[in-house]
Amino acid sequence: MVTPCNGLEDLKVFEKNEKRPDLVITDLGMPLVSGIGLISLLKKQSPQTPIIALTGWDKHPQELAIEVNADTTLMKPFDLNERDQDMEKLLVKRIR
């Protein structure tokens, strides 16, 4: 597991590694590169990589995440069981 502290670091880690992560969880609001920008860039490079977008924004965050092809969006605060269920669904879907 890799946990960069901003969108730019996350993008650099993603681009350096030939082996793509099984799943990406990112916040929509991050410094340097926004989560929306990050999701858009990651999906262009690796469309099959599932992405969960996290947000505390209350104005149309799900529409923004859908627009850049996030696989699902969780509103903060969220239940860890809900996050785990979403992760499991996305990883099982990817395996199939």
Foldseek 3Di string as FASTA:
>chain_A
DDDDQFLVVVQVVQVVDPDHDQEEEEEQCGPPAGPLRSLLVVCVVPVLHAYEYEYQDDPPPQVSCVVSPHPYYDYPPDDVVVVVVVSVVSSVVSVD
